[in-house]
Each structure stands twice: as structure tokens, then as C-alpha cells.
Amino acid sequence: MPQVTLTINNAPYQFTCNEGEQDRLLELAQLLDVKVTQLARAIGQVGEAKLILMASLIALDEASENGGSSLSRGDLVSHLGDMDTLAAQIEHIAARMESA
């Protein structure tokens, strides 16, 4: 399976994806990075996990206001493994930040 490095708020995250999904995953990460950057400018660096979570919620809210997500329920279910990986990475970052 291909691996891609997604950069959010200047932090690299390694992801494994299905063949052919690399470009879309990079595109989505770039969109999220823009949201995180805008949010960080507006409220400051409140922690990596919190910024990513807040930006994700804003992006999802905007998507639902614009007619919903382009992903079907089946697509979302197939990406749950990726979400579990992201959640684990966010928890790891939060733990590192708390111990710093």
C-alpha cells in the first residue's frame, strides 16, 4: 500500500492509503492545513490536536451547509481505519504536549 506524508500546521503525518488515493488524500490535507493555519492566526497556537479538531469541525460544518459531504456512508466506513490512525496520532501529540 502506498504511503503519503501529510503536513498539517508544519507537522508531518505518515498515512497508508489504497492505490490511487494519494493525490486526493494530499489535496484534502492541504485544504485542512489552510483551515488550521487560518484558525491559528485567529486564535493562536492552542495545541496541535485542538487546532486540527476545530478546523476539521469547521470544514465539516461548511461542507454540510453546502449540500453535504461528497463521501458516501460506505466511503466513510471504509476510511474509519484512517480515522482511528489519525485519532491515535492526535492523542499521541496531545500527550507529548502535556508532558512538555
N, C-alpha and C. Protein backbone atom coordinates (compact mmCIF):
# COMPACT_ATOMS: atom_id res chain seq x y z
N MET A 1 0.84 -1.17 0.00
CA MET A 1 0.00 0.00 0.00
C MET A 1 0.89 1.25 0.00
N PRO A 2 0.49 2.24 -0.75
CA PRO A 2 1.28 3.48 -0.80
C PRO A 2 1.22 4.24 0.52
N GLN A 3 2.29 4.94 0.80
CA GLN A 3 2.33 5.83 1.96
C GLN A 3 2.48 7.26 1.47
N VAL A 4 1.83 8.17 2.18
CA VAL A 4 1.95 9.59 1.87
C VAL A 4 2.25 10.33 3.17
N THR A 5 2.92 11.45 3.03
CA THR A 5 3.18 12.32 4.18
C THR A 5 2.29 13.54 4.04
N LEU A 6 1.41 13.71 5.02
CA LEU A 6 0.52 14.86 5.04
C LEU A 6 1.08 15.87 6.02
N THR A 7 1.14 17.12 5.63
CA THR A 7 1.67 18.16 6.50
C THR A 7 0.54 19.08 6.93
N ILE A 8 0.30 19.10 8.23
CA ILE A 8 -0.73 19.95 8.81
C ILE A 8 -0.05 20.81 9.88
N ASN A 9 -0.16 22.13 9.76
CA ASN A 9 0.42 23.05 10.73
C ASN A 9 1.92 22.78 10.89
N ASN A 10 2.58 22.57 9.76
CA ASN A 10 4.02 22.31 9.70
C ASN A 10 4.45 21.00 10.36
N ALA A 11 3.52 20.12 10.68
CA ALA A 11 3.85 18.83 11.27
C ALA A 11 3.55 17.71 10.26
N PRO A 12 4.51 16.81 10.02
CA PRO A 12 4.29 15.72 9.07
C PRO A 12 3.57 14.53 9.72
N TYR A 13 2.65 13.94 8.98
CA TYR A 13 1.92 12.76 9.42
C TYR A 13 2.00 11.71 8.31
N GLN A 14 2.45 10.51 8.65
CA GLN A 14 2.55 9.42 7.68
C GLN A 14 1.22 8.66 7.63
N PHE A 15 0.71 8.44 6.42
CA PHE A 15 -0.52 7.69 6.23
C PHE A 15 -0.32 6.64 5.16
N THR A 16 -0.97 5.52 5.36
CA THR A 16 -1.04 4.48 4.35
C THR A 16 -2.42 4.59 3.73
N CYS A 17 -2.48 4.45 2.40
CA CYS A 17 -3.77 4.55 1.72
C CYS A 17 -3.84 3.52 0.61
N ASN A 18 -4.99 3.40 0.02
CA ASN A 18 -5.17 2.50 -1.11
C ASN A 18 -4.52 3.10 -2.35
N GLU A 19 -4.12 2.25 -3.25
CA GLU A 19 -3.53 2.69 -4.51
C GLU A 19 -4.48 3.65 -5.22
N GLY A 20 -3.96 4.76 -5.68
CA GLY A 20 -4.75 5.74 -6.40
C GLY A 20 -5.38 6.81 -5.53
N GLU A 21 -5.29 6.67 -4.20
CA GLU A 21 -5.89 7.65 -3.29
C GLU A 21 -4.91 8.73 -2.85
N GLN A 22 -3.65 8.60 -3.23
CA GLN A 22 -2.61 9.51 -2.74
C GLN A 22 -2.93 10.97 -3.04
N ASP A 23 -3.24 11.28 -4.28
CA ASP A 23 -3.48 12.67 -4.67
C ASP A 23 -4.67 13.27 -3.92
N ARG A 24 -5.74 12.52 -3.77
CA ARG A 24 -6.93 13.03 -3.07
C ARG A 24 -6.62 13.26 -1.59
N LEU A 25 -5.88 12.34 -0.99
CA LEU A 25 -5.51 12.50 0.41
C LEU A 25 -4.63 13.73 0.61
N LEU A 26 -3.69 13.95 -0.29
CA LEU A 26 -2.84 15.14 -0.23
C LEU A 26 -3.65 16.41 -0.41
N GLU A 27 -4.62 16.37 -1.33
CA GLU A 27 -5.49 17.52 -1.58
C GLU A 27 -6.31 17.85 -0.34
N LEU A 28 -6.90 16.83 0.29
CA LEU A 28 -7.69 17.06 1.50
C LEU A 28 -6.83 17.59 2.63
N ALA A 29 -5.63 17.06 2.77
CA ALA A 29 -4.72 17.54 3.81
C ALA A 29 -4.35 19.00 3.58
N GLN A 30 -4.17 19.36 2.33
CA GLN A 30 -3.83 20.76 2.02
C GLN A 30 -5.00 21.68 2.41
N LEU A 31 -6.22 21.25 2.12
CA LEU A 31 -7.39 22.04 2.49
C LEU A 31 -7.49 22.17 4.01
N LEU A 32 -7.25 21.08 4.72
CA LEU A 32 -7.29 21.12 6.18
C LEU A 32 -6.17 22.01 6.72
N ASP A 33 -5.00 21.95 6.11
CA ASP A 33 -3.88 22.78 6.55
C ASP A 33 -4.22 24.26 6.43
N VAL A 34 -4.91 24.64 5.35
CA VAL A 34 -5.33 26.04 5.19
C VAL A 34 -6.27 26.43 6.33
N LYS A 35 -7.22 25.56 6.66
CA LYS A 35 -8.16 25.85 7.76
C LYS A 35 -7.41 25.99 9.08
N VAL A 36 -6.47 25.07 9.34
CA VAL A 36 -5.70 25.11 10.59
C VAL A 36 -4.90 26.39 10.66
N THR A 37 -4.27 26.77 9.56
CA THR A 37 -3.46 27.99 9.52
C THR A 37 -4.32 29.22 9.79
N GLN A 38 -5.49 29.29 9.17
CA GLN A 38 -6.40 30.41 9.40
C GLN A 38 -6.84 30.46 10.86
N LEU A 39 -7.15 29.32 11.41
CA LEU A 39 -7.60 29.24 12.79
C LEU A 39 -6.47 29.63 13.75
N ALA A 40 -5.27 29.17 13.49
CA ALA A 40 -4.12 29.51 14.34
C ALA A 40 -3.86 31.01 14.32
N ARG A 41 -4.03 31.63 13.16
CA ARG A 41 -3.86 33.08 13.08
C ARG A 41 -4.93 33.81 13.88
N ALA A 42 -6.13 33.27 13.87
CA ALA A 42 -7.25 33.93 14.54
C ALA A 42 -7.21 33.76 16.06
N ILE A 43 -6.86 32.56 16.52
CA ILE A 43 -6.93 32.30 17.97
C ILE A 43 -5.59 31.95 18.59
N GLY A 44 -4.57 31.77 17.78
CA GLY A 44 -3.25 31.40 18.30
C GLY A 44 -3.04 29.90 18.33
N GLN A 45 -1.83 29.52 18.69
CA GLN A 45 -1.48 28.10 18.76
C GLN A 45 -1.99 27.54 20.10
N VAL A 46 -3.15 26.93 20.06
CA VAL A 46 -3.79 26.40 21.28
C VAL A 46 -3.52 24.92 21.45
N GLY A 47 -2.61 24.39 20.67
CA GLY A 47 -2.30 22.96 20.72
C GLY A 47 -2.66 22.31 19.40
N GLU A 48 -1.78 21.45 18.96
CA GLU A 48 -1.94 20.78 17.66
C GLU A 48 -3.26 20.03 17.54
N ALA A 49 -3.54 19.19 18.53
CA ALA A 49 -4.76 18.37 18.47
C ALA A 49 -6.00 19.25 18.44
N LYS A 50 -6.04 20.26 19.28
CA LYS A 50 -7.22 21.13 19.35
C LYS A 50 -7.40 21.91 18.05
N LEU A 51 -6.30 22.42 17.48
CA LEU A 51 -6.40 23.15 16.21
C LEU A 51 -6.92 22.26 15.09
N ILE A 52 -6.39 21.04 15.01
CA ILE A 52 -6.83 20.12 13.95
C ILE A 52 -8.29 19.74 14.15
N LEU A 53 -8.67 19.47 15.38
CA LEU A 53 -10.06 19.13 15.66
C LEU A 53 -11.00 20.28 15.32
N MET A 54 -10.65 21.49 15.77
CA MET A 54 -11.50 22.65 15.50
C MET A 54 -11.60 22.92 14.00
N ALA A 55 -10.49 22.85 13.28
CA ALA A 55 -10.51 23.09 11.84
C ALA A 55 -11.32 22.02 11.12
N SER A 56 -11.22 20.78 11.58
CA SER A 56 -11.99 19.70 10.97
C SER A 56 -13.49 19.91 11.17
N LEU A 57 -13.86 20.32 12.38
CA LEU A 57 -15.27 20.58 12.65
C LEU A 57 -15.80 21.74 11.81
N ILE A 58 -15.00 22.79 11.66
CA ILE A 58 -15.39 23.92 10.81
C ILE A 58 -15.57 23.46 9.37
N ALA A 59 -14.61 22.67 8.86
CA ALA A 59 -14.69 22.19 7.47
C ALA A 59 -15.91 21.30 7.27
N LEU A 60 -16.21 20.42 8.23
CA LEU A 60 -17.39 19.56 8.13
C LEU A 60 -18.67 20.37 8.18
N ASP A 61 -18.70 21.39 9.03
CA ASP A 61 -19.87 22.26 9.12
C ASP A 61 -20.10 22.98 7.80
N GLU A 62 -19.02 23.50 7.22
CA GLU A 62 -19.14 24.18 5.93
C GLU A 62 -19.60 23.22 4.84
N ALA A 63 -19.09 22.00 4.86
CA ALA A 63 -19.50 21.01 3.86
C ALA A 63 -20.97 20.66 4.00
N SER A 64 -21.45 20.53 5.24
CA SER A 64 -22.86 20.19 5.43
C SER A 64 -23.77 21.34 5.02
N GLU A 65 -23.30 22.58 5.20
CA GLU A 65 -24.08 23.73 4.77
C GLU A 65 -24.14 23.83 3.25
N ASN A 66 -23.15 23.28 2.58
CA ASN A 66 -23.08 23.35 1.12
C ASN A 66 -23.59 22.07 0.46
N GLY A 67 -24.55 21.42 1.09
CA GLY A 67 -25.17 20.26 0.47
C GLY A 67 -24.60 18.93 0.91
N GLY A 68 -23.78 18.92 1.93
CA GLY A 68 -23.28 17.66 2.46
C GLY A 68 -21.95 17.27 1.88
N SER A 69 -21.44 16.24 2.42
CA SER A 69 -20.13 15.73 2.03
C SER A 69 -20.23 14.96 0.72
N SER A 70 -19.14 14.96 -0.04
CA SER A 70 -19.11 14.20 -1.28
C SER A 70 -18.85 12.72 -1.02
N LEU A 71 -18.53 12.36 0.23
CA LEU A 71 -18.30 10.96 0.57
C LEU A 71 -19.62 10.30 0.93
N SER A 72 -19.81 9.10 0.43
CA SER A 72 -20.99 8.34 0.82
C SER A 72 -20.75 7.68 2.17
N ARG A 73 -21.80 7.15 2.76
CA ARG A 73 -21.64 6.45 4.05
C ARG A 73 -20.67 5.29 3.90
N GLY A 74 -20.73 4.58 2.77
CA GLY A 74 -19.81 3.48 2.53
C GLY A 74 -18.37 3.94 2.47
N ASP A 75 -18.15 5.11 1.83
CA ASP A 75 -16.80 5.67 1.78
C ASP A 75 -16.31 6.01 3.17
N LEU A 76 -17.19 6.60 3.98
CA LEU A 76 -16.81 6.97 5.33
C LEU A 76 -16.44 5.73 6.15
N VAL A 77 -17.25 4.68 6.02
CA VAL A 77 -16.97 3.45 6.75
C VAL A 77 -15.63 2.86 6.33
N SER A 78 -15.32 2.92 5.04
CA SER A 78 -14.05 2.35 4.57
C SER A 78 -12.86 3.16 5.05
N HIS A 79 -13.07 4.42 5.44
CA HIS A 79 -11.98 5.26 5.92
C HIS A 79 -11.87 5.29 7.45
N LEU A 80 -12.70 4.49 8.14
CA LEU A 80 -12.66 4.51 9.60
C LEU A 80 -11.30 4.11 10.14
N GLY A 81 -10.63 3.19 9.47
CA GLY A 81 -9.29 2.80 9.89
C GLY A 81 -8.36 3.99 9.86
N ASP A 82 -8.45 4.81 8.81
CA ASP A 82 -7.63 6.01 8.71
C ASP A 82 -7.97 6.97 9.84
N MET A 83 -9.25 7.09 10.19
CA MET A 83 -9.65 7.99 11.26
C MET A 83 -9.12 7.50 12.60
N ASP A 84 -9.12 6.17 12.79
CA ASP A 84 -8.56 5.61 14.02
C ASP A 84 -7.07 5.94 14.12
N THR A 85 -6.37 5.85 13.01
CA THR A 85 -4.95 6.19 12.98
C THR A 85 -4.75 7.66 13.31
N LEU A 86 -5.55 8.52 12.70
CA LEU A 86 -5.46 9.96 12.97
C LEU A 86 -5.76 10.26 14.43
N ALA A 87 -6.79 9.63 14.97
CA ALA A 87 -7.14 9.85 16.38
C ALA A 87 -5.98 9.43 17.29
N ALA A 88 -5.36 8.32 16.98
CA ALA A 88 -4.22 7.86 17.79
C ALA A 88 -3.07 8.84 17.69
N GLN A 89 -2.84 9.37 16.49
CA GLN A 89 -1.76 10.35 16.32
C GLN A 89 -2.06 11.63 17.09
N ILE A 90 -3.31 12.08 17.06
CA ILE A 90 -3.70 13.29 17.79
C ILE A 90 -3.52 13.06 19.29
N GLU A 91 -3.92 11.89 19.78
CA GLU A 91 -3.75 11.59 21.20
C GLU A 91 -2.27 11.57 21.57
N HIS A 92 -1.45 11.02 20.70
CA HIS A 92 0.00 10.96 20.94
C HIS A 92 0.57 12.38 21.02
N ILE A 93 0.17 13.24 20.10
CA ILE A 93 0.64 14.63 20.10
C ILE A 93 0.19 15.33 21.36
N ALA A 94 -1.07 15.14 21.74
CA ALA A 94 -1.59 15.78 22.95
C ALA A 94 -0.81 15.32 24.18
N ALA A 95 -0.49 14.03 24.25
CA ALA A 95 0.27 13.51 25.39
C ALA A 95 1.67 14.10 25.43
N ARG A 96 2.29 14.23 24.25
CA ARG A 96 3.63 14.83 24.19
C ARG A 96 3.58 16.28 24.65
N MET A 97 2.55 17.00 24.24
CA MET A 97 2.43 18.40 24.60
C MET A 97 2.18 18.56 26.09
N GLU A 98 1.39 17.66 26.68
CA GLU A 98 1.11 17.75 28.11
C GLU A 98 2.35 17.46 28.94
N SER A 99 3.21 16.60 28.45
CA SER A 99 4.43 16.25 29.21
C SER A 99 5.57 17.23 28.97
N ALA A 100 5.41 18.13 28.01
CA ALA A 100 6.48 19.10 27.70
C ALA A 100 6.52 20.23 28.70
